Amino acid sequence: MKKTSLIQKLEVYKKEFHEISESIIQPSIISDQNQYKTLLKKYKKLEKIVSLYEEYNKKLTFLKEINFIIENDSDPEMKELASTEKYKILENLSSIEKESCRLLSSSKEECATEDHRNAAIVELRSGTGGDEACLFVEDILRMYTMYFKKSGWKYKIIHAQRGGIKGYKEIILDVNGEEGVYANLKFESGVHRVQRIPKTESQGRVHTSAITVAVLPKVKDIEININLSDIKKDTFRSSGSGGQHVNKTESAVRLTHIPSKITVECQEERSQHKNFEKAISILRSRIYQNEKEKRLKKISVKRKSLISTGDRSVKIRTYNYPKNRVTDHRIHKSIYDLAGFMNGNIQEMINFLKLFDKK
C-alpha cells in the first residue's frame, strides 16, 4: 500500500473514531444496549488504529528532521549518526504500515479500499412495478441530485432510457466531487423498495414497487486496460430527445466486452465519438466492479455485514409513503421524515451506515 493511500485511509478511520467517541456517550445510545455494544466494539478496534496512526505521524516528523540534518549538517560524524537513525526509522515505518494494514482488514483484498475515490458511476434501473417503478427511478434521481447539490458535487447524465408513460427505465450518472463521493454513495447499492398509492390507482390501494441502484467506483484507464479487440461496437439511432439530428444519424453506441459479456449503451451525446468515450468509461467501471465483487465473494464468509459489499440483489431500503417512513433494513434504522429524505437529506442515514460498516 502506498504511503499516501495509507494516510488517506487512516485519516478516514481517525475521523470515524472521533465520531464514535461523541456518539457513544449519548444517552440514546447508552440506553440501547445492542447499539452501544456494537459501537463500543468498533471504538476499541479504531482506538488501536488511531494510536498506531499517531505513532506513524511522529516517525514521519522525525524522518523529516533526520533528512534535514543529512542534507544540511556539515559535521560528517553527525551525518553518519543521522543516516544510521534514518535506517531505523524507515524500518519502524515499514513495520507500522504492515501492522496498520493488518488491523484495517484481515486480507489484502479488504485492505484495498475505494473510499479515497472522488468520482463514481451511479446506475438506477426500474424493477418490479411497471410504470410505477419508472416513476420511482425519477424520484430517486431527484433525491440524489439534491443530495449532490448539498454536498457540493457535480454530476452528468451519461445515459437515459425513458419509461413507457413517464419516468425512467434506466439512468446512469457520472458524479464528481472534491471528497467523499464513493465513500458515501457506496452504501446506496442494492434494491430500493417503495410502498405508496400510485397516481394511476383509482381505488386507493397501496402498491409495492422496486428499483435497483448500483454505485461503481470510477476508474482510470491505467487501472483497467481494455483491449479494443475484446470489444464489439454497435451503433444505432438514439431513442432520446434531440430532434431530427437524432433520427437521421446513428450516434448512439452499444459496446459489448466479449470476455466478460458486459454490455453498455450510451446515447446522450449527438456525437458518436463522445458517446463511445462515455460508454468506455462506464464499461471500465463495470469490469473493475466485476473483478472487485469476485474478490469480495472469496472473503464474504469472514464478513457478517452486507452494508457495503455492493450486492445489488439485496433489499436495502423501503420508502413507505403512507407512514412517512424510510427504513434501512441492513441496520434496522428508520427515519420518520420521508419528505425531507426525498429532498436529499440522506446524510444522516449514510452516517449510521458508516458507523455500522465493517463491525
Protein backbone atom coordinates (compact mmCIF):
# COMPACT_ATOMS: atom_id res chain seq x y z
CA MET A 1 0.00 0.00 0.00
CA LYS A 2 1.37 3.44 -0.93
CA LYS A 3 2.07 5.87 1.93
CA THR A 4 -0.39 8.47 0.58
CA SER A 5 -3.13 5.86 0.25
CA LEU A 6 -2.45 4.55 3.76
CA ILE A 7 -2.51 8.05 5.27
CA GLN A 8 -5.80 8.85 3.50
CA LYS A 9 -7.33 5.66 4.81
CA LEU A 10 -6.06 6.20 8.35
CA GLU A 11 -7.45 9.76 8.28
CA VAL A 12 -10.88 8.34 7.45
CA TYR A 13 -10.65 5.95 10.42
CA LYS A 14 -9.42 8.72 12.71
CA LYS A 15 -12.42 10.87 11.78
CA GLU A 16 -14.74 7.90 12.31
CA PHE A 17 -13.11 7.24 15.70
CA HIS A 18 -13.91 10.78 16.88
CA GLU A 19 -17.48 10.45 15.57
CA ILE A 20 -17.99 7.25 17.56
CA SER A 21 -16.32 8.84 20.61
CA GLU A 22 -19.02 11.52 20.56
CA SER A 23 -21.89 9.14 19.77
CA ILE A 24 -21.06 6.53 22.39
CA ILE A 25 -21.64 8.94 25.30
CA GLN A 26 -25.08 9.98 24.10
CA PRO A 27 -27.94 8.84 26.41
CA SER A 28 -29.93 7.46 23.45
CA ILE A 29 -27.00 5.19 22.50
CA ILE A 30 -26.25 4.10 26.09
CA SER A 31 -29.89 3.13 26.64
CA ASP A 32 -29.82 0.85 23.58
CA GLN A 33 -27.56 -2.00 24.75
CA ASN A 34 -27.23 -3.68 21.35
CA GLN A 35 -26.26 -0.45 19.65
CA TYR A 36 -23.94 0.52 22.50
CA LYS A 37 -22.11 -2.84 22.44
CA THR A 38 -21.66 -2.64 18.66
CA LEU A 39 -20.23 0.87 18.78
CA LEU A 40 -18.05 0.04 21.80
CA LYS A 41 -16.56 -2.92 19.95
CA LYS A 42 -15.75 -0.74 16.96
CA TYR A 43 -14.44 2.03 19.24
CA LYS A 44 -11.85 -0.34 20.72
CA LYS A 45 -10.75 -1.52 17.30
CA LEU A 46 -10.43 2.03 15.98
CA GLU A 47 -8.59 3.13 19.12
CA LYS A 48 -5.73 0.75 18.23
CA ILE A 49 -5.66 2.04 14.65
CA VAL A 50 -5.64 5.71 15.71
CA SER A 51 -2.88 5.05 18.24
CA LEU A 52 -0.81 3.42 15.52
CA TYR A 53 -1.51 6.34 13.20
CA GLU A 54 -0.30 8.86 15.78
CA GLU A 55 2.90 6.85 16.20
CA TYR A 56 3.25 6.77 12.40
CA ASN A 57 2.97 10.58 12.19
CA LYS A 58 5.61 11.01 14.91
CA LYS A 59 8.03 8.80 12.96
CA LEU A 60 7.37 10.75 9.75
CA THR A 61 8.10 14.04 11.55
CA PHE A 62 11.31 12.56 12.98
CA LEU A 63 12.28 11.36 9.49
CA LYS A 64 11.96 14.90 8.12
CA GLU A 65 14.26 16.18 10.86
CA ILE A 66 16.81 13.45 10.14
CA ASN A 67 16.73 14.21 6.40
CA PHE A 68 17.31 17.88 7.16
CA ILE A 69 20.44 17.00 9.19
CA ILE A 70 21.76 14.71 6.43
CA GLU A 71 21.28 17.38 3.77
CA ASN A 72 22.43 20.44 5.71
CA ASP A 73 24.77 19.50 8.59
CA SER A 74 28.49 19.97 7.85
CA ASP A 75 29.65 17.55 10.54
CA PRO A 76 30.46 14.14 8.92
CA GLU A 77 30.03 12.29 12.23
CA MET A 78 26.58 13.84 12.78
CA LYS A 79 25.60 12.87 9.24
CA GLU A 80 26.69 9.29 9.84
CA LEU A 81 24.67 9.07 13.05
CA ALA A 82 21.67 10.59 11.26
CA SER A 83 21.95 8.05 8.43
CA THR A 84 22.01 5.17 10.93
CA GLU A 85 18.97 6.63 12.69
CA LYS A 86 17.19 7.09 9.36
CA TYR A 87 17.57 3.37 8.61
CA LYS A 88 15.94 2.50 11.94
CA ILE A 89 13.06 4.94 11.34
CA LEU A 90 12.40 3.51 7.88
CA GLU A 91 12.26 0.03 9.38
CA ASN A 92 9.82 1.28 12.04
CA LEU A 93 7.64 2.94 9.40
CA SER A 94 7.58 -0.26 7.37
CA SER A 95 6.51 -2.26 10.45
CA ILE A 96 3.78 0.26 11.28
CA GLU A 97 2.48 0.14 7.71
CA LYS A 98 2.24 -3.66 7.81
CA GLU A 99 0.55 -3.60 11.20
CA SER A 100 -1.86 -0.89 10.02
CA CYS A 101 -2.87 -2.95 7.01
CA ARG A 102 -3.37 -6.00 9.24
CA LEU A 103 -5.60 -4.04 11.62
CA LEU A 104 -7.58 -2.35 8.89
CA SER A 105 -8.50 -5.66 7.34
CA SER A 106 -7.94 -9.37 7.56
CA SER A 107 -6.89 -9.75 3.93
CA LYS A 108 -5.12 -7.94 1.13
CA GLU A 109 -8.40 -7.65 -0.75
CA GLU A 110 -10.11 -5.78 2.10
CA CYS A 111 -7.10 -3.56 2.54
CA ALA A 112 -7.56 -2.12 -0.93
CA THR A 113 -10.30 0.41 -0.15
CA GLU A 114 -12.08 2.54 -2.72
CA ASP A 115 -13.06 5.24 -0.21
CA HIS A 116 -10.47 7.69 -1.49
CA ARG A 117 -12.17 7.91 -4.89
CA ASN A 118 -13.86 11.24 -5.58
CA ALA A 119 -15.83 10.05 -8.59
CA ALA A 120 -18.47 7.35 -9.07
CA ILE A 121 -20.83 5.92 -11.66
CA VAL A 122 -24.39 5.72 -10.32
CA GLU A 123 -26.86 3.49 -12.16
CA LEU A 124 -30.61 3.49 -11.47
CA ARG A 125 -32.90 0.86 -13.03
CA SER A 126 -36.60 0.15 -12.69
CA GLY A 127 -37.53 -3.28 -11.34
CA THR A 128 -40.86 -4.77 -10.33
CA GLY A 129 -43.85 -2.48 -10.59
CA GLY A 130 -44.01 -1.41 -14.24
CA ASP A 131 -44.73 2.30 -14.76
CA GLU A 132 -44.71 2.96 -11.01
CA ALA A 133 -41.12 1.65 -10.81
CA CYS A 134 -40.12 4.01 -13.64
CA LEU A 135 -41.67 6.92 -11.74
CA PHE A 136 -39.77 5.92 -8.61
CA VAL A 137 -36.49 5.91 -10.56
CA GLU A 138 -37.23 9.55 -11.38
CA ASP A 139 -38.00 10.30 -7.71
CA ILE A 140 -34.76 8.68 -6.52
CA LEU A 141 -32.85 10.53 -9.25
CA ARG A 142 -34.24 13.80 -7.87
CA MET A 143 -33.33 12.72 -4.31
CA TYR A 144 -29.73 12.01 -5.31
CA THR A 145 -29.27 15.17 -7.38
CA MET A 146 -30.49 17.27 -4.46
CA TYR A 147 -28.06 15.39 -2.19
CA PHE A 148 -25.23 16.06 -4.67
CA LYS A 149 -26.07 19.76 -4.60
CA LYS A 150 -25.99 19.84 -0.77
CA SER A 151 -22.63 18.02 -0.85
CA GLY A 152 -21.14 20.37 -3.44
CA TRP A 153 -20.72 17.59 -6.02
CA LYS A 154 -21.29 17.80 -9.77
CA TYR A 155 -23.00 15.23 -11.95
CA LYS A 156 -23.66 14.48 -15.62
CA ILE A 157 -26.24 12.19 -17.18
CA ILE A 158 -24.35 9.64 -19.27
CA HIS A 159 -27.27 7.52 -20.42
CA ALA A 160 -31.05 7.67 -20.02
CA GLN A 161 -33.87 5.44 -21.19
CA ARG A 162 -37.36 6.84 -20.68
CA GLY A 163 -40.23 4.82 -19.25
CA GLY A 164 -43.39 3.92 -21.13
CA ILE A 165 -45.56 6.76 -19.74
CA LYS A 166 -43.22 8.78 -17.53
CA GLY A 167 -40.05 8.41 -15.51
CA TYR A 168 -37.04 6.28 -16.47
CA LYS A 169 -36.40 2.61 -17.11
CA GLU A 170 -32.70 3.31 -16.66
CA ILE A 171 -30.47 6.30 -16.00
CA ILE A 172 -26.71 6.46 -15.45
CA LEU A 173 -24.86 9.36 -13.80
CA ASP A 174 -21.22 10.40 -13.61
CA VAL A 175 -20.72 12.01 -10.16
CA ASN A 176 -17.62 14.03 -9.20
CA GLY A 177 -16.59 15.98 -6.11
CA GLU A 178 -13.63 17.07 -4.03
CA GLU A 179 -14.01 14.34 -1.40
CA GLY A 180 -16.22 11.59 -0.06
CA VAL A 181 -18.10 10.74 -3.26
CA TYR A 182 -17.64 6.98 -3.36
CA ALA A 183 -17.14 6.65 0.42
CA ASN A 184 -20.71 7.94 0.92
CA LEU A 185 -22.52 6.67 -2.18
CA LYS A 186 -21.25 3.08 -1.95
CA PHE A 187 -23.90 2.37 0.71
CA GLU A 188 -26.68 3.04 -1.82
CA SER A 189 -26.09 -0.11 -3.91
CA GLY A 190 -28.98 -2.53 -3.70
CA VAL A 191 -32.75 -2.81 -4.12
CA HIS A 192 -34.82 0.22 -3.06
CA ARG A 193 -38.48 -0.60 -2.43
CA VAL A 194 -41.36 1.90 -2.42
CA GLN A 195 -44.80 1.44 -0.87
CA ARG A 196 -47.37 4.04 -1.92
CA ILE A 197 -50.61 4.64 -3.77
CA PRO A 198 -49.79 5.14 -7.49
CA LYS A 199 -51.38 8.07 -9.29
CA THR A 200 -52.98 5.58 -11.67
CA GLU A 201 -54.66 3.65 -8.82
CA SER A 202 -58.35 4.53 -8.70
CA GLN A 203 -59.23 2.51 -5.59
CA GLY A 204 -56.55 3.97 -3.32
CA ARG A 205 -54.66 0.72 -2.76
CA VAL A 206 -51.03 0.76 -1.69
CA HIS A 207 -48.69 -0.83 -4.25
CA THR A 208 -45.14 -2.08 -3.77
CA SER A 209 -42.54 -1.43 -6.46
CA ALA A 210 -38.78 -1.70 -6.57
CA ILE A 211 -35.77 -0.26 -8.35
CA THR A 212 -32.10 -1.19 -8.36
CA VAL A 213 -29.23 1.18 -7.57
CA ALA A 214 -25.63 0.33 -8.43
CA VAL A 215 -22.73 2.57 -7.39
CA LEU A 216 -19.43 1.83 -9.10
CA PRO A 217 -16.05 3.45 -8.38
CA LYS A 218 -14.98 5.45 -11.42
CA VAL A 219 -11.60 4.13 -12.50
CA LYS A 220 -8.89 5.43 -14.81
CA ASP A 221 -7.63 3.74 -17.96
CA ILE A 222 -4.32 2.97 -16.25
CA GLU A 223 -6.20 0.87 -13.65
CA ILE A 224 -8.25 -1.15 -16.13
CA ASN A 225 -6.65 -1.60 -19.52
CA ILE A 226 -9.32 -2.63 -22.02
CA ASN A 227 -8.12 -4.31 -25.20
CA LEU A 228 -10.15 -2.83 -28.04
CA SER A 229 -10.02 -6.18 -29.85
CA ASP A 230 -12.14 -7.56 -26.99
CA ILE A 231 -14.92 -5.03 -27.63
CA LYS A 232 -17.78 -5.41 -30.08
CA LYS A 233 -19.12 -1.99 -31.12
CA ASP A 234 -22.64 -1.43 -32.47
CA THR A 235 -24.19 1.89 -33.44
CA PHE A 236 -27.88 2.77 -33.63
CA ARG A 237 -30.21 5.74 -33.74
CA SER A 238 -30.88 7.42 -30.43
CA SER A 239 -34.33 6.98 -28.93
CA GLY A 240 -33.96 10.05 -26.74
CA SER A 241 -34.72 13.71 -27.35
CA GLY A 242 -32.68 15.61 -29.88
CA GLY A 243 -34.91 16.39 -32.81
CA GLN A 244 -34.25 15.49 -36.42
CA HIS A 245 -30.50 15.06 -35.93
CA VAL A 246 -31.02 12.07 -33.63
CA ASN A 247 -33.41 10.40 -36.03
CA LYS A 248 -31.07 10.66 -39.02
CA THR A 249 -27.72 9.61 -37.58
CA GLU A 250 -26.52 6.52 -35.73
CA SER A 251 -24.86 8.45 -32.92
CA ALA A 252 -25.82 6.03 -30.12
CA VAL A 253 -23.23 3.42 -29.16
CA ARG A 254 -23.50 -0.08 -27.72
CA LEU A 255 -20.30 -1.75 -26.50
CA THR A 256 -20.02 -5.43 -25.56
CA HIS A 257 -16.95 -6.65 -23.70
CA ILE A 258 -16.63 -10.16 -25.13
CA PRO A 259 -14.62 -11.82 -22.26
CA SER A 260 -17.00 -10.66 -19.50
CA LYS A 261 -20.14 -10.30 -21.68
CA ILE A 262 -20.77 -6.87 -20.09
CA THR A 263 -22.83 -4.56 -22.35
CA VAL A 264 -23.01 -0.78 -22.15
CA GLU A 265 -25.14 1.70 -24.10
CA CYS A 266 -24.75 5.46 -24.39
CA GLN A 267 -26.89 7.85 -26.44
CA GLU A 268 -26.94 11.17 -24.59
CA GLU A 269 -24.48 12.92 -26.93
CA ARG A 270 -25.09 13.77 -30.58
CA SER A 271 -21.53 12.79 -31.37
CA GLN A 272 -20.83 9.09 -31.78
CA HIS A 273 -17.24 9.71 -30.64
CA LYS A 274 -18.39 11.31 -27.35
CA ASN A 275 -20.89 8.52 -26.73
CA PHE A 276 -18.09 6.00 -27.30
CA GLU A 277 -15.86 7.74 -24.73
CA LYS A 278 -18.66 7.76 -22.13
CA ALA A 279 -19.53 4.13 -22.83
CA ILE A 280 -15.88 3.12 -22.39
CA SER A 281 -15.82 4.93 -19.04
CA ILE A 282 -18.89 3.00 -17.81
CA LEU A 283 -17.54 -0.27 -19.21
CA ARG A 284 -14.22 0.25 -17.42
CA SER A 285 -16.02 0.81 -14.08
CA ARG A 286 -18.26 -2.23 -14.56
CA ILE A 287 -15.32 -4.52 -15.37
CA TYR A 288 -13.44 -3.18 -12.34
CA GLN A 289 -16.51 -3.71 -10.11
CA ASN A 290 -16.99 -7.20 -11.53
CA GLU A 291 -13.45 -8.15 -10.53
CA LYS A 292 -13.89 -6.49 -7.14
CA GLU A 293 -17.08 -8.48 -6.44
CA LYS A 294 -15.27 -11.71 -7.30
CA ARG A 295 -12.64 -10.87 -4.69
CA LEU A 296 -15.31 -9.95 -2.14
CA LYS A 297 -17.07 -13.30 -2.60
CA LYS A 298 -13.88 -15.04 -1.54
CA ILE A 299 -13.88 -13.18 1.77
CA SER A 300 -17.66 -12.82 2.27
CA VAL A 301 -17.73 -15.75 4.71
CA LYS A 302 -15.50 -13.76 7.05
CA ARG A 303 -17.80 -10.75 6.96
CA LYS A 304 -21.20 -10.70 8.61
CA SER A 305 -22.05 -7.24 7.28
CA LEU A 306 -23.59 -6.71 3.84
CA ILE A 307 -23.59 -2.95 4.23
CA SER A 308 -21.02 -2.07 1.59
CA THR A 309 -20.40 -5.22 -0.41
CA GLY A 310 -22.25 -3.74 -3.38
CA ASP A 311 -24.59 -6.74 -3.70
CA ARG A 312 -27.32 -5.39 -5.96
CA SER A 313 -29.75 -8.24 -5.21
CA VAL A 314 -30.11 -7.29 -1.53
CA LYS A 315 -33.19 -5.30 -0.49
CA ILE A 316 -31.60 -2.46 1.44
CA ARG A 317 -34.28 0.17 1.95
CA THR A 318 -38.05 0.71 1.99
CA TYR A 319 -39.75 4.06 1.38
CA ASN A 320 -43.20 3.86 2.98
CA TYR A 321 -45.27 6.90 1.95
CA PRO A 322 -48.45 6.21 3.99
CA LYS A 323 -46.36 6.05 7.20
CA ASN A 324 -43.93 8.84 6.20
CA ARG A 325 -41.09 6.43 6.95
CA VAL A 326 -37.85 5.33 5.28
CA THR A 327 -36.22 2.19 6.72
CA ASP A 328 -32.77 0.81 6.03
CA HIS A 329 -33.01 -2.94 6.58
CA ARG A 330 -29.26 -3.52 6.96
CA ILE A 331 -29.06 -1.59 10.22
CA HIS A 332 -32.80 -1.61 11.14
CA LYS A 333 -32.83 2.18 11.19
CA SER A 334 -35.99 4.19 10.41
CA ILE A 335 -36.32 7.91 9.75
CA TYR A 336 -39.81 9.43 10.02
CA ASP A 337 -39.28 12.29 7.59
CA LEU A 338 -39.76 10.78 4.17
CA ALA A 339 -40.41 14.17 2.55
CA GLY A 340 -37.11 15.53 3.84
CA PHE A 341 -35.30 12.35 2.84
CA MET A 342 -36.65 12.56 -0.72
CA ASN A 343 -35.45 16.17 -0.81
CA GLY A 344 -31.87 14.98 -0.46
CA ASN A 345 -31.48 14.84 3.34
CA ILE A 346 -29.95 11.36 3.29
CA GLN A 347 -26.63 12.06 5.05
CA GLU A 348 -27.96 11.05 8.48
CA MET A 349 -28.75 7.55 7.20
CA ILE A 350 -25.38 7.30 5.46
CA ASN A 351 -23.61 8.32 8.69
CA PHE A 352 -25.36 5.49 10.57
CA LEU A 353 -24.32 3.05 7.83
CA LYS A 354 -20.72 4.24 8.15
CA LEU A 355 -20.76 3.59 11.89
CA PHE A 356 -22.03 0.06 11.49
CA ASP A 357 -19.93 -0.88 8.47
CA LYS A 358 -17.21 -3.49 8.99
CA LYS A 359 -18.30 -4.11 12.56
